[in-house]
Amino acid sequence: MANQPLVLRPGDIAVPVGNVQEQLNVIIYAGLEVDNIFGPATEAAVRQFQRQAGLPVTGIVDEPTWRRLFLGRPLPAEVVGGVDPPQFPQTGGYSVEINLANRTLTLFRNGTWQATYPVAIGKPATPTPVGNFTILNKAWEPGGVFGTRWLGVTESGVGIHGTNDPASIGLAVSNGCIRMYNQDVEAIFPVLNVGDPVRIVAGAVAGNTYTVQPGDTLWLIAQRFGTTVEALRRANNLTTDVIYPGQVLFIPGAAAPPPPPPPGPPPAPLPGTMTYTVQPGDTLFLIAQQFNTTLEELRRLNNIQGDLIYPGQTLLVPTAGIPQTYTVQPGDTLYFIAQRFGTTVAELRRLNNLTSDIIYPGQVLRVR
């Protein structure tokens, strides 16, 4: 029957089971393997959670258990197939293409580009499936790992949804689903309806090289390219995790990052602003946090419609929220700090009476 809540039972095999396992690991430290299989260990963890939450101890993820577990509404029953999806008013002509290589979702109307958004995709152990699909179901405010909106895509339970972890956008970290910033999934939710096409493409997947940037670690690079630290070590004959800026690494079987647009003249600083060069691994959300501002203000200053940015891009950032001092963190260099705060190594040396580039964790530096 349509419009019924999703109920997960022992023996079920579906992507939402994996999301339940992830949530139980976070909330009660269940230590479950995230394998999408509702086995005895998962049932025992559900029962433990229900006891702690004061719910009937059934071992079944029913509507009350879901609401308490995710602090949101259950997904529709048709998420895992076998139920006719409810119908929504058709607005007509909309479709979606998700490029796993670029980590982007593009919205089209009658074949014409409308908008492109950054996304997170499945991790290597639970990859996002490739192929042609349709929107199967929709849900408001599922909460937790699903954020504020849900759009079901496959009968195994893969969907497009928001996230309670915006820093994960751009990475290969999900249980197979496509994560978006909540404001982005809220933007596409009203125009996409049950039956609208969804195309998921792998993009370029040949091995590529990557030049290490200041502040990079093997773990961050592995996250960015959807691989593992061990695979990076093997591919580059590394015996330790030590890497250095300018080093060129081979990324085995990884997708190339999206090519940046042709470079244009950097924007001229406006009163109360300065320029910042986007670094590998940056997101608009992280930059907003770094400069104590908001996503909306960064979009306004730079005339950005979505959240897609690329390394080397020059952005305007407001100076009002920039701190006067910065405490050096492990792995920091003067070059990295200068890039972060839109200044130069020479200026940092001058402000702090430094005679060399040697700094140490815990040291407090003037940056303005």
Protein backbone atom coordinates (compact mmCIF):
# COMPACT_ATOMS: atom_id res chain seq x y z
CA MET A 1 0.00 0.00 0.00
CA ALA A 2 1.35 3.43 -0.95
CA ASN A 3 2.17 6.15 1.58
CA GLN A 4 3.08 3.61 4.27
CA PRO A 5 6.30 4.04 6.32
CA LEU A 6 9.30 1.84 5.65
CA VAL A 7 9.64 -1.06 8.12
CA LEU A 8 12.91 -3.03 8.24
CA ARG A 9 12.95 -6.57 9.63
CA PRO A 10 15.56 -9.29 10.27
CA GLY A 11 16.48 -10.90 6.97
CA ASP A 12 16.05 -7.71 4.92
CA ILE A 13 18.85 -6.78 2.53
CA ALA A 14 18.66 -3.12 1.48
CA VAL A 15 20.69 0.09 1.56
CA PRO A 16 18.54 1.62 4.37
CA VAL A 17 19.61 -1.31 6.57
CA GLY A 18 23.19 -0.07 6.15
CA ASN A 19 22.10 3.44 7.15
CA VAL A 20 20.47 1.99 10.28
CA GLN A 21 23.71 0.14 11.03
CA GLU A 22 25.71 3.38 10.62
CA GLN A 23 23.31 5.24 12.93
CA LEU A 24 23.43 2.51 15.58
CA ASN A 25 27.24 2.61 15.46
CA VAL A 26 27.13 6.35 16.16
CA ILE A 27 24.43 6.36 18.84
CA ILE A 28 25.13 3.20 20.88
CA TYR A 29 28.61 2.32 19.58
CA ALA A 30 27.23 -0.97 18.25
CA GLY A 31 30.35 -1.87 16.24
CA LEU A 32 28.26 -3.28 13.39
CA GLU A 33 29.65 -4.10 9.97
CA VAL A 34 27.83 -1.83 7.50
CA ASP A 35 26.84 -4.51 5.00
CA ASN A 36 23.15 -3.67 4.34
CA ILE A 37 22.13 -7.07 5.78
CA PHE A 38 19.67 -7.17 8.70
CA GLY A 39 21.34 -10.08 10.48
CA PRO A 40 21.38 -11.23 14.13
CA ALA A 41 23.97 -8.63 15.22
CA THR A 42 21.90 -5.81 13.74
CA GLU A 43 18.73 -7.18 15.35
CA ALA A 44 20.48 -7.31 18.74
CA ALA A 45 21.67 -3.71 18.34
CA VAL A 46 18.14 -2.58 17.39
CA ARG A 47 16.78 -4.28 20.50
CA GLN A 48 19.45 -2.60 22.66
CA PHE A 49 18.56 0.80 21.20
CA GLN A 50 14.85 0.20 21.75
CA ARG A 51 15.45 -0.71 25.40
CA GLN A 52 17.54 2.40 25.97
CA ALA A 53 14.97 4.59 24.18
CA GLY A 54 12.01 3.19 26.13
CA LEU A 55 10.41 1.68 23.01
CA PRO A 56 8.79 -1.74 22.64
CA VAL A 57 11.68 -4.21 22.20
CA THR A 58 10.77 -5.89 18.91
CA GLY A 59 14.06 -5.97 16.99
CA ILE A 60 12.16 -4.39 14.08
CA VAL A 61 12.86 -0.88 12.78
CA ASP A 62 9.25 0.31 12.73
CA GLU A 63 7.97 3.89 12.49
CA PRO A 64 8.52 4.83 16.19
CA THR A 65 12.00 3.29 16.17
CA TRP A 66 12.95 5.12 12.96
CA ARG A 67 11.70 8.46 14.30
CA ARG A 68 13.75 8.08 17.47
CA LEU A 69 16.82 6.70 15.69
CA PHE A 70 17.01 9.38 12.97
CA LEU A 71 15.01 12.17 14.64
CA GLY A 72 12.93 12.35 11.47
CA ARG A 73 10.13 10.76 9.49
CA PRO A 74 10.48 7.22 8.10
CA LEU A 75 11.23 6.76 4.42
CA PRO A 76 8.32 5.51 2.28
CA ALA A 77 7.65 1.75 2.24
CA GLU A 78 8.29 1.57 -1.51
CA VAL A 79 11.96 2.47 -0.94
CA VAL A 80 12.86 -1.23 -1.11
CA GLY A 81 10.44 -2.14 -3.92
CA GLY A 82 7.28 -4.22 -4.01
CA VAL A 83 4.94 -1.29 -3.35
CA ASP A 84 3.42 1.06 -5.89
CA PRO A 85 4.89 4.55 -5.38
CA PRO A 86 2.51 7.43 -4.65
CA GLN A 87 2.00 9.92 -7.45
CA PHE A 88 3.06 13.55 -7.22
CA PRO A 89 1.90 16.42 -9.46
CA GLN A 90 4.00 16.46 -12.62
CA THR A 91 5.77 19.69 -13.55
CA GLY A 92 7.23 18.12 -16.67
CA GLY A 93 10.52 17.74 -18.45
CA TYR A 94 12.97 17.47 -15.55
CA SER A 95 15.81 14.96 -15.39
CA VAL A 96 19.03 14.46 -13.44
CA GLU A 97 22.53 13.33 -14.35
CA ILE A 98 24.97 12.35 -11.60
CA ASN A 99 28.65 12.20 -12.58
CA LEU A 100 30.57 10.05 -10.11
CA ALA A 101 33.95 11.19 -11.43
CA ASN A 102 33.15 14.88 -10.97
CA ARG A 103 31.02 14.30 -7.83
CA THR A 104 28.28 16.49 -9.29
CA LEU A 105 24.51 16.35 -9.83
CA THR A 106 23.18 18.30 -12.82
CA LEU A 107 19.53 19.21 -13.22
CA PHE A 108 18.06 19.49 -16.73
CA ARG A 109 14.68 20.61 -18.03
CA ASN A 110 13.74 19.40 -21.50
CA GLY A 111 17.43 18.66 -22.04
CA THR A 112 18.53 22.19 -21.10
CA TRP A 113 20.98 22.72 -18.22
CA GLN A 114 19.41 24.28 -15.14
CA ALA A 115 21.95 23.90 -12.31
CA THR A 116 24.89 21.81 -11.11
CA TYR A 117 25.48 20.86 -7.48
CA PRO A 118 28.37 19.12 -5.64
CA VAL A 119 27.56 15.73 -4.10
CA ALA A 120 29.06 12.93 -2.04
CA ILE A 121 28.96 9.41 -3.48
CA GLY A 122 29.36 5.83 -2.30
CA LYS A 123 32.61 4.73 -0.70
CA PRO A 124 34.65 1.96 -2.38
CA ALA A 125 33.04 -0.73 -0.20
CA THR A 126 29.50 0.46 -1.05
CA PRO A 127 29.74 2.19 -4.44
CA THR A 128 26.96 4.19 -6.04
CA PRO A 129 25.42 2.13 -8.87
CA VAL A 130 25.81 3.27 -12.47
CA GLY A 131 22.90 3.20 -14.93
CA ASN A 132 19.56 4.69 -15.91
CA PHE A 133 16.96 4.98 -13.17
CA THR A 134 13.87 7.00 -12.27
CA ILE A 135 12.62 8.77 -9.16
CA LEU A 136 10.69 6.06 -7.28
CA ASN A 137 9.56 7.88 -4.15
CA LYS A 138 9.92 11.12 -2.20
CA ALA A 139 9.98 11.99 1.49
CA TRP A 140 10.22 15.12 3.65
CA GLU A 141 12.42 15.52 6.72
CA PRO A 142 13.74 11.94 7.14
CA GLY A 143 16.43 13.36 9.42
CA GLY A 144 19.81 12.01 10.52
CA VAL A 145 22.08 10.87 7.70
CA PHE A 146 19.29 11.67 5.19
CA GLY A 147 19.06 15.38 6.02
CA THR A 148 15.91 17.27 5.09
CA ARG A 149 14.73 15.57 1.85
CA TRP A 150 14.79 12.14 0.20
CA LEU A 151 14.38 11.09 -3.44
CA GLY A 152 14.46 7.32 -3.94
CA VAL A 153 16.28 6.08 -7.06
CA THR A 154 16.74 2.26 -6.93
CA GLU A 155 14.68 -0.61 -5.55
CA SER A 156 17.59 -1.57 -3.29
CA GLY A 157 17.18 1.73 -1.46
CA VAL A 158 19.76 4.04 -3.04
CA GLY A 159 18.54 7.63 -3.10
CA ILE A 160 19.41 11.29 -3.42
CA HIS A 161 19.18 13.01 -0.05
CA GLY A 162 20.46 15.75 2.21
CA THR A 163 23.00 15.25 4.98
CA ASN A 164 23.73 16.09 8.59
CA ASP A 165 27.44 16.06 7.68
CA PRO A 166 27.98 18.86 5.11
CA ALA A 167 31.77 18.46 5.30
CA SER A 168 31.36 15.09 3.53
CA ILE A 169 30.17 16.70 0.28
CA GLY A 170 32.68 16.07 -2.50
CA LEU A 171 33.95 12.83 -0.94
CA ALA A 172 33.32 9.12 -1.55
CA VAL A 173 31.94 8.25 1.88
CA SER A 174 28.27 7.28 1.63
CA ASN A 175 26.56 3.90 1.82
CA GLY A 176 25.85 4.14 -1.92
CA CYS A 177 23.46 7.08 -1.86
CA ILE A 178 24.03 10.52 -3.36
CA ARG A 179 24.36 13.15 -0.62
CA MET A 180 23.71 16.85 -1.20
CA TYR A 181 23.81 19.95 0.94
CA ASN A 182 20.37 20.28 2.52
CA GLN A 183 19.69 23.58 0.77
CA ASP A 184 20.55 22.00 -2.59
CA VAL A 185 18.31 18.95 -2.22
CA GLU A 186 15.55 21.29 -1.06
CA ALA A 187 16.01 23.26 -4.30
CA ILE A 188 15.56 20.23 -6.59
CA PHE A 189 12.93 18.42 -4.49
CA PRO A 190 9.87 20.46 -5.66
CA VAL A 191 10.59 20.05 -9.39
CA LEU A 192 11.56 16.35 -9.46
CA ASN A 193 8.70 13.90 -9.33
CA VAL A 194 8.11 10.17 -9.35
CA GLY A 195 8.98 8.86 -12.81
CA ASP A 196 11.52 11.56 -13.71
CA PRO A 197 14.74 10.12 -15.23
CA VAL A 198 17.98 9.81 -13.24
CA ARG A 199 21.18 8.90 -15.09
CA ILE A 200 24.27 7.95 -13.07
CA VAL A 201 27.54 7.86 -15.03
CA ALA A 202 31.00 6.84 -13.90
CA GLY A 203 32.91 9.45 -15.90
CA ALA A 204 36.62 9.04 -16.56
CA VAL A 205 38.01 6.26 -14.37
CA ALA A 206 41.54 5.67 -15.68
CA GLY A 207 44.40 6.13 -13.27
CA ASN A 208 45.46 9.75 -12.79
CA THR A 209 48.21 11.71 -11.12
CA TYR A 210 47.79 14.29 -8.39
CA THR A 211 50.23 16.92 -7.14
CA VAL A 212 50.36 17.08 -3.36
CA GLN A 213 49.30 20.46 -1.93
CA PRO A 214 50.33 22.02 1.39
CA GLY A 215 48.25 20.48 4.17
CA ASP A 216 47.47 17.29 2.23
CA THR A 217 47.72 13.87 3.87
CA LEU A 218 47.40 10.43 2.31
CA TRP A 219 44.10 10.01 4.16
CA LEU A 220 42.64 13.25 2.72
CA ILE A 221 43.80 12.35 -0.79
CA ALA A 222 42.32 8.85 -0.47
CA GLN A 223 39.00 10.36 0.65
CA ARG A 224 38.97 12.83 -2.23
CA PHE A 225 39.55 10.20 -4.91
CA GLY A 226 37.50 7.39 -3.38
CA THR A 227 40.43 5.06 -2.75
CA THR A 228 42.36 3.88 0.33
CA VAL A 229 45.63 4.87 1.99
CA GLU A 230 46.94 1.34 1.45
CA ALA A 231 46.17 1.50 -2.29
CA LEU A 232 48.00 4.84 -2.53
CA ARG A 233 51.03 3.38 -0.74
CA ARG A 234 51.15 0.37 -3.09
CA ALA A 235 50.71 2.44 -6.24
CA ASN A 236 53.50 4.85 -5.27
CA ASN A 237 55.90 2.45 -3.53
CA LEU A 238 55.55 4.33 -0.24
CA THR A 239 56.75 2.69 2.96
CA THR A 240 55.34 5.43 5.23
CA ASP A 241 52.54 8.01 5.10
CA VAL A 242 54.99 10.91 4.72
CA ILE A 243 54.32 13.07 1.63
CA TYR A 244 55.39 16.60 0.73
CA PRO A 245 53.99 19.53 -1.29
CA GLY A 246 54.82 19.25 -4.98
CA GLN A 247 55.14 15.46 -4.88
CA VAL A 248 53.28 13.77 -7.76
CA LEU A 249 51.26 10.71 -6.75
CA PHE A 250 49.61 8.13 -8.98
CA ILE A 251 45.96 7.60 -8.03
CA PRO A 252 45.11 4.01 -9.00
CA GLY A 253 41.78 3.62 -10.80
CA ALA A 254 40.64 7.02 -9.60
CA ALA A 255 38.40 9.46 -11.37
CA ALA A 256 39.94 12.72 -12.42
CA PRO A 257 38.66 15.82 -10.66
CA PRO A 258 36.43 18.02 -12.82
CA PRO A 259 38.46 20.25 -15.16
CA PRO A 260 38.35 23.86 -14.00
CA PRO A 261 36.74 26.48 -16.22
CA PRO A 262 39.09 28.62 -18.30
CA PRO A 263 40.88 31.01 -15.94
CA GLY A 264 39.62 34.55 -15.95
CA PRO A 265 40.87 37.68 -14.22
CA PRO A 266 40.57 37.39 -10.43
CA PRO A 267 37.82 39.51 -8.92
CA ALA A 268 38.90 42.91 -7.64
CA PRO A 269 38.54 43.12 -3.86
CA LEU A 270 35.56 45.16 -2.73
CA PRO A 271 35.60 47.30 0.41
CA GLY A 272 35.63 44.94 3.38
CA THR A 273 36.77 41.93 1.35
CA MET A 274 39.92 40.12 0.30
CA THR A 275 40.69 37.39 -2.21
CA TYR A 276 41.19 33.71 -1.37
CA THR A 277 42.49 30.99 -3.71
CA VAL A 278 40.57 27.72 -3.44
CA GLN A 279 42.78 24.81 -2.34
CA PRO A 280 42.34 21.09 -3.14
CA GLY A 281 39.79 19.64 -0.72
CA ASP A 282 38.10 23.01 -0.07
CA THR A 283 34.32 23.30 -0.12
CA LEU A 284 32.26 26.48 0.07
CA PHE A 285 31.04 25.32 3.49
CA LEU A 286 34.59 24.89 4.84
CA ILE A 287 35.66 28.28 3.47
CA ALA A 288 32.65 29.93 5.10
CA GLN A 289 33.64 28.35 8.44
CA GLN A 290 37.28 29.35 7.96
CA PHE A 291 36.44 33.01 7.42
CA ASN A 292 33.59 33.13 9.94
CA THR A 293 30.96 33.96 7.34
CA THR A 294 27.98 32.22 5.67
CA LEU A 295 27.43 30.25 2.48
CA GLU A 296 24.89 32.86 1.38
CA GLU A 297 27.41 35.69 1.77
CA LEU A 298 30.08 33.80 -0.21
CA ARG A 299 27.57 33.06 -2.98
CA ARG A 300 26.49 36.72 -3.08
CA LEU A 301 30.02 38.12 -3.18
CA ASN A 302 31.09 35.72 -5.94
CA ASN A 303 27.85 35.47 -7.92
CA ILE A 304 27.76 31.68 -7.36
CA GLN A 305 24.41 29.94 -7.86
CA GLY A 306 25.28 26.58 -6.26
CA ASP A 307 28.23 25.36 -4.22
CA LEU A 308 30.57 24.08 -6.97
CA ILE A 309 34.10 25.49 -6.71
CA TYR A 310 37.46 24.22 -7.99
CA PRO A 311 41.13 24.40 -6.91
CA GLY A 312 42.81 27.56 -8.17
CA GLN A 313 39.58 29.55 -8.30
CA THR A 314 39.81 33.03 -6.73
CA LEU A 315 36.98 33.97 -4.37
CA LEU A 316 36.11 37.14 -2.53
CA VAL A 317 35.72 36.64 1.22
CA PRO A 318 34.64 39.20 3.83
CA THR A 319 37.42 40.38 6.13
CA ALA A 320 35.18 41.30 9.08
CA GLY A 321 35.18 37.77 10.49
CA ILE A 322 38.86 36.95 9.95
CA PRO A 323 40.72 36.49 13.25
CA GLN A 324 43.76 38.60 14.08
CA THR A 325 45.77 35.58 15.26
CA TYR A 326 46.03 31.89 14.40
CA THR A 327 47.31 28.96 16.46
CA VAL A 328 49.60 26.71 14.42
CA GLN A 329 48.28 23.16 13.99
CA PRO A 330 50.29 19.95 13.31
CA GLY A 331 51.19 19.85 9.61
CA ASP A 332 50.90 23.62 9.11
CA THR A 333 53.49 25.57 7.13
CA LEU A 334 53.84 29.32 6.66
CA TYR A 335 52.89 28.81 3.01
CA PHE A 336 49.70 26.96 3.93
CA ILE A 337 48.73 29.57 6.56
CA ALA A 338 49.40 32.40 4.07
CA GLN A 339 47.16 30.70 1.51
CA ARG A 340 44.46 30.16 4.11
CA PHE A 341 44.32 33.78 5.19
CA GLY A 342 44.90 35.41 1.81
CA THR A 343 48.31 36.84 2.65
CA THR A 344 51.96 36.06 1.84
CA VAL A 345 54.78 34.23 3.60
CA ALA A 346 56.80 37.45 3.61
CA GLU A 347 53.97 39.32 5.34
CA LEU A 348 53.61 36.59 7.98
CA ARG A 349 57.36 36.75 8.63
CA ARG A 350 57.16 40.55 8.97
CA LEU A 351 54.15 40.50 11.31
CA ASN A 352 55.72 37.87 13.56
CA ASN A 353 59.41 38.93 13.40
CA LEU A 354 60.36 35.54 11.96
CA THR A 355 63.83 35.07 10.47
CA SER A 356 63.01 31.64 8.94
CA ASP A 357 60.00 29.56 7.91
CA ILE A 358 60.21 27.31 10.97
CA ILE A 359 57.00 27.22 13.04
CA TYR A 360 55.69 24.72 15.58
CA PRO A 361 52.26 23.44 16.75
CA GLY A 362 50.76 25.65 19.42
CA GLN A 363 52.61 28.77 18.26
CA VAL A 364 50.34 31.81 17.97
CA LEU A 365 50.89 33.89 14.85
CA ARG A 366 49.53 37.25 13.84
CA VAL A 367 47.81 36.97 10.46
CA ARG A 368 46.54 40.56 10.11
